[in-house]
Protein backbone atom coordinates (compact mmCIF):
# COMPACT_ATOMS: atom_id res chain seq x y z
CA MET A 1 0.00 0.00 0.00
CA THR A 2 2.84 2.39 0.90
CA ALA A 3 4.53 1.69 -2.42
CA VAL A 4 1.34 2.52 -4.30
CA VAL A 5 0.96 5.82 -2.44
CA LEU A 6 4.59 6.76 -3.08
CA ALA A 7 4.24 5.88 -6.76
CA GLY A 8 1.14 8.07 -6.98
CA VAL A 9 2.94 11.01 -5.35
CA TRP A 10 5.92 10.57 -7.69
CA VAL A 11 3.74 10.50 -10.80
CA ARG A 12 1.85 13.59 -9.66
CA ARG A 13 4.97 15.61 -8.83
CA VAL A 14 7.41 14.44 -11.53
CA VAL A 15 5.43 13.12 -14.49
CA LEU A 16 2.09 14.95 -14.33
CA PRO A 17 2.50 18.08 -12.19
CA GLY A 18 -0.65 20.06 -11.46
CA ARG A 19 -1.21 23.80 -11.80
CA PRO A 20 0.06 25.57 -8.67
CA ALA A 21 -2.56 27.45 -6.68
CA ASP A 22 -0.53 30.68 -6.78
CA VAL A 23 -0.35 30.91 -10.59
CA SER A 24 -2.18 34.06 -11.59
CA THR A 25 -4.81 34.39 -14.31
CA ALA A 26 -5.52 37.29 -16.63
CA ARG A 27 -7.06 40.41 -15.11
CA PRO A 28 -10.57 41.00 -16.50
CA ARG A 29 -12.20 44.23 -17.59
CA ARG A 30 -15.89 45.00 -17.97
CA ILE A 31 -17.32 45.21 -21.49
CA PRO A 32 -17.55 48.99 -21.93
CA ASP A 33 -20.69 49.11 -24.12
CA PRO A 34 -23.75 48.17 -22.00
CA ASP A 35 -25.55 46.92 -25.12
CA ALA A 36 -22.70 44.48 -25.77
CA ARG A 37 -22.94 42.91 -22.31
CA PRO A 38 -25.15 39.95 -21.54
CA SER A 39 -27.82 40.62 -18.93
CA PRO A 40 -27.32 39.18 -15.44
CA ASP A 41 -30.26 36.83 -16.06
CA GLY A 42 -28.57 35.48 -19.21
CA ALA A 43 -30.47 37.42 -21.86
CA GLY A 44 -28.21 37.78 -24.88
CA VAL A 45 -26.42 34.46 -24.24
CA ARG A 46 -26.67 31.31 -26.33
CA LEU A 47 -25.14 28.13 -24.91
CA ALA A 48 -24.83 24.60 -26.28
CA VAL A 49 -24.44 21.88 -23.65
CA ASN A 50 -22.60 18.68 -24.54
CA PRO A 51 -24.12 16.05 -22.22
CA ASP A 52 -21.45 13.49 -23.10
CA SER A 53 -18.48 15.57 -21.92
CA GLY A 54 -16.54 14.81 -18.79
CA PRO A 55 -16.19 11.82 -16.46
CA LEU A 56 -19.17 9.81 -15.27
CA TRP A 57 -19.16 11.48 -11.86
CA ARG A 58 -19.54 14.99 -13.30
CA GLN A 59 -23.20 16.03 -13.45
CA ASN A 60 -24.70 17.39 -16.67
CA PRO A 61 -24.85 21.16 -15.91
CA VAL A 62 -27.82 21.97 -18.18
CA ASP A 63 -30.44 22.21 -15.40
CA ASP A 64 -28.20 24.32 -13.16
CA LEU A 65 -27.36 26.66 -16.04
CA ARG A 66 -31.03 27.12 -16.92
CA ALA A 67 -31.85 27.89 -13.29
CA ALA A 68 -28.96 30.35 -12.92
CA LEU A 69 -29.47 32.06 -16.31
CA PRO A 70 -33.22 31.78 -16.95
CA ALA A 71 -33.26 34.20 -19.90
CA ALA A 72 -30.38 32.52 -21.77
CA ASP A 73 -30.93 30.40 -24.88
CA ILE A 74 -29.53 27.07 -23.59
CA ARG A 75 -29.66 24.09 -25.95
CA GLU A 76 -28.71 20.56 -24.94
CA LEU A 77 -27.07 18.76 -27.83
CA GLY A 78 -28.60 15.54 -29.08
CA ALA A 79 -26.78 12.68 -30.77
CA ASP A 80 -27.38 14.12 -34.26
CA ASP A 81 -26.86 17.81 -33.44
CA ASP A 82 -23.91 19.74 -34.83
CA LEU A 83 -22.52 22.22 -32.32
CA LEU A 84 -21.33 24.67 -34.98
CA ALA A 85 -24.76 24.74 -36.58
CA VAL A 86 -26.57 25.10 -33.24
CA LEU A 87 -24.43 28.03 -32.09
CA GLY A 88 -24.36 29.73 -35.49
CA ASP A 89 -28.10 29.31 -36.18
CA ARG A 90 -29.30 32.62 -37.70
CA LEU A 91 -26.68 34.43 -35.65
CA ASP A 92 -26.02 37.05 -38.31
CA GLU A 93 -29.72 37.90 -38.39
CA SER A 94 -29.91 38.50 -34.65
CA ASP A 95 -28.78 41.63 -32.84
CA GLY A 96 -29.80 40.23 -29.48
CA VAL A 97 -27.16 37.51 -29.04
CA VAL A 98 -23.99 39.14 -27.69
CA ALA A 99 -22.30 36.05 -26.26
CA ILE A 100 -22.19 32.42 -27.32
CA GLY A 101 -20.53 29.44 -25.78
CA ALA A 102 -20.69 25.86 -24.68
CA ALA A 103 -20.54 23.55 -21.71
CA GLY A 104 -18.14 20.72 -22.32
CA GLY A 105 -14.50 19.76 -22.60
CA ASP A 106 -11.68 21.38 -24.54
CA GLY A 107 -12.80 20.03 -27.91
CA THR A 108 -16.31 21.41 -27.38
CA LEU A 109 -15.01 24.81 -26.24
CA SER A 110 -12.58 24.96 -29.16
CA ALA A 111 -15.45 24.48 -31.60
CA ALA A 112 -17.47 27.16 -29.81
CA ALA A 113 -14.49 29.52 -30.00
CA THR A 114 -14.45 29.09 -33.78
CA VAL A 115 -18.05 30.30 -34.01
CA ALA A 116 -17.45 33.15 -31.55
CA LEU A 117 -14.48 34.35 -33.60
CA GLU A 118 -16.34 34.10 -36.90
CA HIS A 119 -19.31 36.10 -35.61
CA ASP A 120 -17.37 38.48 -33.34
CA ARG A 121 -19.15 37.41 -30.15
CA VAL A 122 -17.91 36.95 -26.60
CA LEU A 123 -17.16 33.32 -25.77
CA VAL A 124 -18.73 31.81 -22.65
CA ALA A 125 -16.67 28.77 -21.64
CA VAL A 126 -18.45 26.49 -19.17
CA PRO A 127 -16.07 23.82 -17.81
CA SER A 128 -17.71 20.40 -17.76
CA GLY A 129 -15.14 18.15 -19.44
CA THR A 130 -12.47 15.84 -18.07
CA PHE A 131 -9.42 18.11 -18.00
CA ASN A 132 -10.80 21.60 -18.84
CA HIS A 133 -7.36 22.98 -19.72
CA LEU A 134 -8.64 26.17 -21.34
CA ALA A 135 -11.19 26.93 -18.63
CA ARG A 136 -8.67 26.40 -15.83
CA ASP A 137 -6.16 28.73 -17.49
CA LEU A 138 -8.92 31.35 -17.62
CA GLY A 139 -9.68 30.90 -13.92
CA LEU A 140 -12.94 29.04 -14.60
CA ASP A 141 -12.95 26.00 -12.33
CA GLU A 142 -16.69 25.29 -12.15
CA PRO A 143 -19.82 26.13 -14.18
CA ASP A 144 -20.68 28.66 -11.44
CA ASP A 145 -17.59 30.67 -12.47
CA ALA A 146 -18.95 31.02 -16.01
CA VAL A 147 -22.32 32.12 -14.60
CA ALA A 148 -20.56 34.76 -12.47
CA ALA A 149 -18.73 35.97 -15.58
CA VAL A 150 -21.99 36.41 -17.51
CA ARG A 151 -23.60 38.29 -14.62
CA ALA A 152 -20.60 40.63 -14.25
CA GLY A 153 -20.10 41.25 -17.97
CA THR A 154 -16.31 40.97 -17.57
CA VAL A 155 -13.92 39.55 -20.17
CA VAL A 156 -10.29 38.96 -21.06
CA HIS A 157 -8.83 38.80 -24.55
CA MET A 158 -6.81 35.75 -25.57
CA ASP A 159 -4.71 34.67 -28.53
CA LEU A 160 -5.73 31.88 -30.84
CA GLY A 161 -3.35 29.48 -32.54
CA VAL A 162 -3.88 29.21 -36.29
CA LEU A 163 -3.08 26.40 -38.71
CA GLU A 164 -2.73 28.05 -42.13
CA ALA A 165 -3.04 25.77 -45.16
CA ASP A 166 -5.73 25.45 -47.85
CA GLU A 167 -8.19 26.16 -45.06
CA ARG A 168 -7.56 28.05 -41.84
CA ARG A 169 -8.20 26.25 -38.57
CA THR A 170 -7.87 27.81 -35.12
CA PHE A 171 -7.05 26.18 -31.80
CA VAL A 172 -7.28 27.31 -28.19
CA ASN A 173 -4.82 24.87 -26.60
CA THR A 174 -2.65 22.63 -28.77
CA LEU A 175 -1.84 21.30 -32.22
CA SER A 176 -0.17 17.88 -32.34
CA PHE A 177 1.21 15.46 -34.93
CA GLY A 178 3.12 12.20 -35.08
CA GLY A 179 2.49 9.34 -32.67
CA TYR A 180 0.10 11.26 -30.44
CA THR A 181 -2.60 11.36 -33.10
CA ARG A 182 -2.34 7.57 -33.54
CA VAL A 183 -2.93 7.14 -29.82
CA VAL A 184 -5.98 9.44 -29.92
CA ASP A 185 -7.44 7.62 -32.94
CA ALA A 186 -6.96 4.24 -31.26
CA ARG A 187 -8.55 5.51 -28.03
CA GLU A 188 -11.59 6.76 -29.96
CA ARG A 189 -12.06 3.34 -31.57
CA LEU A 190 -11.80 1.53 -28.23
CA GLN A 191 -13.69 3.97 -26.02
CA PRO A 192 -17.26 2.76 -26.78
CA ARG A 193 -16.31 -0.71 -25.50
CA LEU A 194 -13.76 0.07 -22.79
CA GLY A 195 -14.47 3.58 -21.51
CA LYS A 196 -12.11 6.56 -21.84
CA TRP A 197 -9.36 5.68 -19.35
CA LEU A 198 -8.99 1.98 -20.10
CA ALA A 199 -9.17 2.77 -23.82
CA LEU A 200 -6.34 5.29 -23.41
CA ALA A 201 -4.18 2.77 -21.54
CA VAL A 202 -4.73 0.09 -24.19
CA ALA A 203 -4.11 2.60 -27.00
CA LEU A 204 -0.79 3.65 -25.46
CA ALA A 205 0.29 0.04 -24.95
CA CYS A 206 -0.57 -0.87 -28.55
CA GLU A 207 0.63 2.23 -30.39
CA LEU A 208 3.81 3.31 -28.60
CA PRO A 209 5.87 0.24 -29.65
CA ARG A 210 4.74 0.65 -33.27
CA MET A 211 5.52 4.36 -33.63
CA THR A 212 8.04 5.28 -36.30
CA PRO A 213 9.50 8.75 -36.83
CA ILE A 214 8.08 11.00 -39.54
CA ASP A 215 10.40 12.98 -41.81
CA LEU A 216 9.66 16.60 -40.87
CA GLU A 217 11.11 19.98 -41.66
CA LEU A 218 10.39 22.82 -39.24
CA ASP A 219 11.47 26.28 -40.38
CA GLY A 220 13.99 24.67 -42.74
CA GLN A 221 15.50 22.29 -40.18
CA ARG A 222 14.90 18.67 -41.12
CA ALA A 223 14.68 15.88 -38.54
CA PRO A 224 12.87 12.59 -37.86
CA VAL A 225 10.14 13.32 -35.32
CA TRP A 226 8.17 10.82 -33.24
CA LEU A 227 5.94 13.28 -31.41
CA GLY A 228 5.25 16.91 -32.22
CA TRP A 229 3.28 19.33 -30.06
CA ILE A 230 2.62 23.07 -30.49
CA GLY A 231 0.92 25.02 -27.71
CA ASN A 232 -1.07 28.24 -27.99
CA GLY A 233 1.09 30.24 -25.59
CA ARG A 234 3.96 29.36 -23.29
CA TYR A 235 3.13 26.30 -21.18
CA ALA A 236 4.52 25.25 -17.82
CA PRO A 237 6.27 23.27 -16.62
CA GLN A 238 9.05 22.66 -19.12
CA GLY A 239 9.54 19.08 -20.24
CA PHE A 240 6.99 16.30 -20.15
CA ALA A 241 3.26 16.95 -19.63
CA PRO A 242 2.94 20.73 -20.12
CA SER A 243 -0.04 21.54 -17.93
CA TRP A 244 -0.88 25.23 -17.57
CA ARG A 245 -0.37 28.75 -18.93
CA GLU A 246 0.05 31.92 -16.91
CA ARG A 247 -0.95 34.05 -19.91
CA LEU A 248 -3.11 33.47 -22.95
CA ASP A 249 -2.02 36.59 -24.84
CA ASP A 250 1.80 36.34 -24.98
CA GLY A 251 1.96 35.99 -28.80
CA LEU A 252 4.06 32.81 -28.58
CA LEU A 253 3.84 29.22 -29.76
CA ASP A 254 5.34 26.56 -27.49
CA VAL A 255 6.98 23.92 -29.73
CA ARG A 256 7.99 20.58 -28.19
CA LEU A 257 9.43 17.65 -30.17
CA VAL A 258 10.58 14.09 -29.51
CA LEU A 259 13.18 13.15 -32.12
CA GLY A 260 13.99 9.73 -33.51
CA ASP A 261 17.56 10.27 -34.71
CA ARG A 262 19.55 8.64 -31.90
CA PRO A 263 20.24 4.99 -31.00
CA TRP A 264 18.01 3.79 -28.16
CA ALA A 265 16.00 6.99 -28.48
CA ARG A 266 12.83 5.49 -26.98
CA VAL A 267 14.68 4.02 -24.02
CA ARG A 268 16.47 7.31 -23.33
CA LEU A 269 13.19 9.20 -23.52
CA VAL A 270 11.37 6.89 -21.09
CA VAL A 271 14.26 6.87 -18.61
CA ASP A 272 14.61 10.65 -18.64
CA VAL A 273 10.85 11.20 -18.30
CA LEU A 274 10.66 8.85 -15.32
CA ALA A 275 13.68 10.50 -13.73
CA GLY A 276 12.27 13.99 -14.21
CA ARG A 277 15.20 15.18 -16.36
CA LEU A 278 13.62 15.41 -19.80
CA LEU A 279 15.24 18.79 -20.49
CA GLN A 280 18.63 17.02 -20.56
CA CYS A 281 17.38 14.26 -22.89
CA PRO A 282 19.22 14.31 -26.27
CA VAL A 283 16.08 13.31 -28.20
CA TYR A 284 13.89 16.09 -26.78
CA ARG A 285 13.64 19.69 -28.01
CA GLU A 286 11.48 22.63 -26.99
CA HIS A 287 11.47 26.31 -27.94
CA ARG A 288 9.10 29.29 -28.29
CA VAL A 289 8.42 31.11 -31.56
CA GLU A 290 5.84 33.46 -33.06
CA SER A 291 5.26 31.21 -36.09
CA VAL A 292 6.59 27.99 -37.59
CA VAL A 293 6.44 26.37 -41.05
CA VAL A 294 6.01 22.58 -41.01
CA VAL A 295 6.74 20.36 -44.02
CA CYS A 296 6.28 16.58 -43.93
CA HIS A 297 8.37 14.81 -46.56
CA ASP A 298 6.39 11.60 -45.98
CA GLY A 299 3.17 13.19 -47.30
CA PRO A 300 0.00 14.54 -45.65
CA LEU A 301 -0.05 14.44 -41.86
CA ARG A 302 -2.64 13.22 -39.43
CA LEU A 303 -3.13 16.17 -37.07
CA GLY A 304 -4.81 16.79 -33.74
CA VAL A 305 -6.29 20.15 -32.74
CA ASP A 306 -7.46 20.47 -29.12
CA GLY A 307 -7.76 16.68 -28.95
CA GLU A 308 -9.76 16.27 -32.19
CA THR A 309 -7.89 14.45 -34.99
CA PHE A 310 -8.24 14.97 -38.75
CA ASP A 311 -6.36 14.48 -42.03
CA GLY A 312 -4.15 17.50 -42.62
CA PRO A 313 -1.82 18.69 -45.39
CA ALA A 314 1.86 17.91 -45.91
CA ARG A 315 2.81 21.58 -45.57
CA PHE A 316 1.32 24.24 -43.30
CA THR A 317 2.18 27.28 -41.22
CA VAL A 318 1.26 27.71 -37.57
CA THR A 319 0.91 31.27 -36.32
CA LYS A 320 -1.14 33.39 -33.90
CA LEU A 321 -4.14 35.69 -33.90
CA ARG A 322 -3.18 38.14 -31.16
CA ARG A 323 -5.88 38.90 -28.55
CA ALA A 324 -8.51 37.91 -31.12
CA LEU A 325 -11.11 36.35 -28.83
CA ALA A 326 -12.97 37.92 -25.90
CA VAL A 327 -13.83 35.33 -23.24
CA ALA A 328 -16.16 35.88 -20.27
CA VAL A 329 -14.42 35.51 -16.92
CA PRO A 330 -15.55 36.51 -13.43
CA PRO A 331 -14.19 39.67 -11.77
CA ALA A 332 -10.80 39.21 -10.17
CA ASP A 333 -12.23 40.45 -6.87
CA ALA A 334 -15.90 40.70 -6.04
CA ALA A 335 -15.18 43.90 -4.13
CA GLU A 336 -13.44 45.71 -7.00
CA ASP A 337 -15.20 48.28 -9.17
CA PRO A 338 -16.93 46.32 -11.97
CA ASP A 339 -16.50 49.30 -14.30
CA ALA A 340 -12.72 49.33 -13.92
CA THR A 341 -10.97 49.47 -17.27
CA THR A 342 -7.62 47.91 -16.36
CA PRO A 343 -6.43 46.21 -19.57
CA ALA A 344 -6.40 42.41 -19.61
CA ARG A 345 -2.99 40.83 -19.37
């Protein structure tokens, strides 16, 4: 029993560190135009609720949201509903909807952010997924925090990552390629039978031994890459399992790569991850840039954006839209003047 507890503590501190309680979030400001603010009762807000998001023990927030925001247009998604269509339904014809959003995990919120950006609306991000990376970085820990944000009419502005190719695709958290997308695809196939966590474990066990490097060129530098990961903003900590961001408007992309150009590369990687010294590992690279050009000499890549995989091109550019999206967040201090105009970080 003691060994199990110690192993759990080691994994939490070394392999999967959590966000420290003292990490600050962006400072909000109130929307200056009263007509552009949602009403405290939710009038002017349209929300789509994904009932399938999150672990089994997390309650579907739709009833609580309807009780807290009785005038909001809150739509629970059915099996055949398309979130983009639900949120964008006749939005250009309406001058009453000033904020749109979703309750769900990071994939759901990323899709909602796409609609909010396209229609120049405030995003309301209701955390009800498994990890809620975006919501946590915004200081939104529970659905009640999103409700408080709507009632206060306070927002921050955040960057969006952009994949530029034949079509533009934005992301709020991460873009990934290489072996990670194979793991996600395998998990999705297994999840209906095994559940999310067991499916992930089986997917890792099956896919990791079969991974082969892909022949990539990043900003003219060519290398075999097993895993590629690009974050929207600087992530912490450095090394394995980047977990949180102090800022969402720093203009940077966080690029992390696992290379396949050394003998015993996989063994070195595993040993250094378990020892907590990944930054010294010769097959690991990380750096921050404002944009990066990616070329795959093996052909079109399978990509993952905010956990959703798709068939991508062989060549693309990743860049940023600076402070492009306004997101509702609660006031930093309930006692502060809600009309303060301190710029968001």
